Amino acid sequence: MDSTTVELIGLTAALITSIGFLPQLIKGFKTKKLDDISYFMPIVLAIGMTLWLIYGILIHSIAVIVANIFSISCSIGLIILKKIYS
């Protein structure tokens, strides 16, 4: 497989896994209720995704970099919404 195909597979995987945060963010924003979300989950995920981001930068993988920047942003957004609405 050529590198463009591999990167497209990575970007597709990144898109699919990263959009998993959006329903929770949208629901939290609309209902202003995040009592059932713990701080632990998004904090641990943000730490793990930051390490993945560093890894992606080190190996020069656009898919890993883009996915983790988006996912870190979503985790931080979830933490902020919980702080505001709790």
C-alpha atoms as a PDB file:
ATOM      1  CA  MET A   1       0.000   0.000   0.000  1.00  0.00           C
ATOM      2  CA  ASP A   2       1.297   3.449  -0.745  1.00  0.00           C
ATOM      3  CA  SER A   3       1.712   6.077   1.978  1.00  0.00           C
ATOM      4  CA  THR A   4      -1.244   8.168   0.753  1.00  0.00           C
ATOM      5  CA  THR A   5      -3.634   5.226   1.122  1.00  0.00           C
ATOM      6  CA  VAL A   6      -2.270   4.426   4.569  1.00  0.00           C
ATOM      7  CA  GLU A   7      -2.682   8.070   5.652  1.00  0.00           C
ATOM      8  CA  LEU A   8      -6.265   8.151   4.282  1.00  0.00           C
ATOM      9  CA  ILE A   9      -7.109   5.021   6.285  1.00  0.00           C
ATOM     10  CA  GLY A  10      -5.630   6.703   9.362  1.00  0.00           C
ATOM     11  CA  LEU A  11      -7.560   9.929   8.769  1.00  0.00           C
ATOM     12  CA  THR A  12     -10.804   7.973   8.289  1.00  0.00           C
ATOM     13  CA  ALA A  13     -10.206   6.072  11.535  1.00  0.00           C
ATOM     14  CA  ALA A  14      -9.373   9.353  13.268  1.00  0.00           C
ATOM     15  CA  LEU A  15     -12.607  10.946  12.067  1.00  0.00           C
ATOM     16  CA  ILE A  16     -14.778   8.019  13.127  1.00  0.00           C
ATOM     17  CA  THR A  17     -13.253   7.655  16.601  1.00  0.00           C
ATOM     18  CA  SER A  18     -13.041  11.386  17.252  1.00  0.00           C
ATOM     19  CA  ILE A  19     -16.697  12.121  16.517  1.00  0.00           C
ATOM     20  CA  GLY A  20     -17.608   9.819  19.395  1.00  0.00           C
ATOM     21  CA  PHE A  21     -17.221  12.789  21.744  1.00  0.00           C
ATOM     22  CA  LEU A  22     -19.662  15.024  19.897  1.00  0.00           C
ATOM     23  CA  PRO A  23     -22.974  13.508  21.100  1.00  0.00           C
ATOM     24  CA  GLN A  24     -21.931  13.901  24.749  1.00  0.00           C
ATOM     25  CA  LEU A  25     -20.745  17.475  24.194  1.00  0.00           C
ATOM     26  CA  ILE A  26     -23.917  18.424  22.341  1.00  0.00           C
ATOM     27  CA  LYS A  27     -26.165  16.773  24.935  1.00  0.00           C
ATOM     28  CA  GLY A  28     -24.279  18.443  27.791  1.00  0.00           C
ATOM     29  CA  PHE A  29     -24.465  21.830  26.100  1.00  0.00           C
ATOM     30  CA  LYS A  30     -28.189  21.505  25.378  1.00  0.00           C
ATOM     31  CA  THR A  31     -29.306  20.033  28.717  1.00  0.00           C
ATOM     32  CA  LYS A  32     -26.682  21.743  30.881  1.00  0.00           C
ATOM     33  CA  LYS A  33     -26.552  18.515  32.925  1.00  0.00           C
ATOM     34  CA  LEU A  34     -23.295  16.612  33.229  1.00  0.00           C
ATOM     35  CA  ASP A  35     -23.796  15.091  36.673  1.00  0.00           C
ATOM     36  CA  ASP A  36     -23.354  11.573  35.295  1.00  0.00           C
ATOM     37  CA  ILE A  37     -19.924  12.424  33.829  1.00  0.00           C
ATOM     38  CA  SER A  38     -16.961  12.141  36.169  1.00  0.00           C
ATOM     39  CA  TYR A  39     -13.941  14.423  35.880  1.00  0.00           C
ATOM     40  CA  PHE A  40     -11.697  11.353  35.919  1.00  0.00           C
ATOM     41  CA  MET A  41     -12.676   9.985  32.497  1.00  0.00           C
ATOM     42  CA  PRO A  42     -12.034  13.082  30.333  1.00  0.00           C
ATOM     43  CA  ILE A  43      -8.892  13.981  32.299  1.00  0.00           C
ATOM     44  CA  VAL A  44      -7.374  10.516  31.882  1.00  0.00           C
ATOM     45  CA  LEU A  45      -8.376  10.463  28.210  1.00  0.00           C
ATOM     46  CA  ALA A  46      -6.853  13.920  27.652  1.00  0.00           C
ATOM     47  CA  ILE A  47      -3.582  12.783  29.223  1.00  0.00           C
ATOM     48  CA  GLY A  48      -3.509   9.635  27.078  1.00  0.00           C
ATOM     49  CA  MET A  49      -4.402  11.574  23.936  1.00  0.00           C
ATOM     50  CA  THR A  50      -1.685  14.125  24.684  1.00  0.00           C
ATOM     51  CA  LEU A  51       0.817  11.278  24.745  1.00  0.00           C
ATOM     52  CA  TRP A  52      -0.604  10.004  21.444  1.00  0.00           C
ATOM     53  CA  LEU A  53      -0.277  13.538  20.053  1.00  0.00           C
ATOM     54  CA  ILE A  54       3.389  13.667  21.048  1.00  0.00           C
ATOM     55  CA  TYR A  55       3.875  10.245  19.458  1.00  0.00           C
ATOM     56  CA  GLY A  56       2.150  11.425  16.267  1.00  0.00           C
ATOM     57  CA  ILE A  57       4.406  14.473  16.105  1.00  0.00           C
ATOM     58  CA  LEU A  58       7.502  12.329  16.616  1.00  0.00           C
ATOM     59  CA  ILE A  59       6.554   9.923  13.820  1.00  0.00           C
ATOM     60  CA  HIS A  60       5.144  12.704  11.591  1.00  0.00           C
ATOM     61  CA  SER A  61       1.693  11.118  11.271  1.00  0.00           C
ATOM     62  CA  ILE A  62      -0.938  13.653  10.246  1.00  0.00           C
ATOM     63  CA  ALA A  63      -3.755  11.215  11.100  1.00  0.00           C
ATOM     64  CA  VAL A  64      -2.539  10.694  14.666  1.00  0.00           C
ATOM     65  CA  ILE A  65      -1.873  14.425  15.139  1.00  0.00           C
ATOM     66  CA  VAL A  66      -5.247  15.605  13.799  1.00  0.00           C
ATOM     67  CA  ALA A  67      -7.263  12.961  15.647  1.00  0.00           C
ATOM     68  CA  ASN A  68      -5.658  13.712  18.965  1.00  0.00           C
ATOM     69  CA  ILE A  69      -5.814  17.498  18.672  1.00  0.00           C
ATOM     70  CA  PHE A  70      -9.549  17.188  18.004  1.00  0.00           C
ATOM     71  CA  SER A  71     -10.095  14.628  20.763  1.00  0.00           C
ATOM     72  CA  ILE A  72      -8.073  16.609  23.325  1.00  0.00           C
ATOM     73  CA  SER A  73     -10.180  19.661  22.464  1.00  0.00           C
ATOM     74  CA  CYS A  74     -13.363  17.652  23.002  1.00  0.00           C
ATOM     75  CA  SER A  75     -12.111  16.300  26.350  1.00  0.00           C
ATOM     76  CA  ILE A  76     -11.226  19.798  27.508  1.00  0.00           C
ATOM     77  CA  GLY A  77     -14.625  21.021  26.302  1.00  0.00           C
ATOM     78  CA  LEU A  78     -16.341  18.297  28.310  1.00  0.00           C
ATOM     79  CA  ILE A  79     -14.337  19.235  31.424  1.00  0.00           C
ATOM     80  CA  ILE A  80     -15.231  22.911  30.961  1.00  0.00           C
ATOM     81  CA  LEU A  81     -18.934  22.155  30.457  1.00  0.00           C
ATOM     82  CA  LYS A  82     -18.972  19.967  33.560  1.00  0.00           C
ATOM     83  CA  LYS A  83     -17.269  22.717  35.577  1.00  0.00           C
ATOM     84  CA  ILE A  84     -19.720  25.365  34.329  1.00  0.00           C
ATOM     85  CA  TYR A  85     -22.920  23.326  34.724  1.00  0.00           C
ATOM     86  CA  SER A  86     -22.144  21.330  37.881  1.00  0.00           C
END
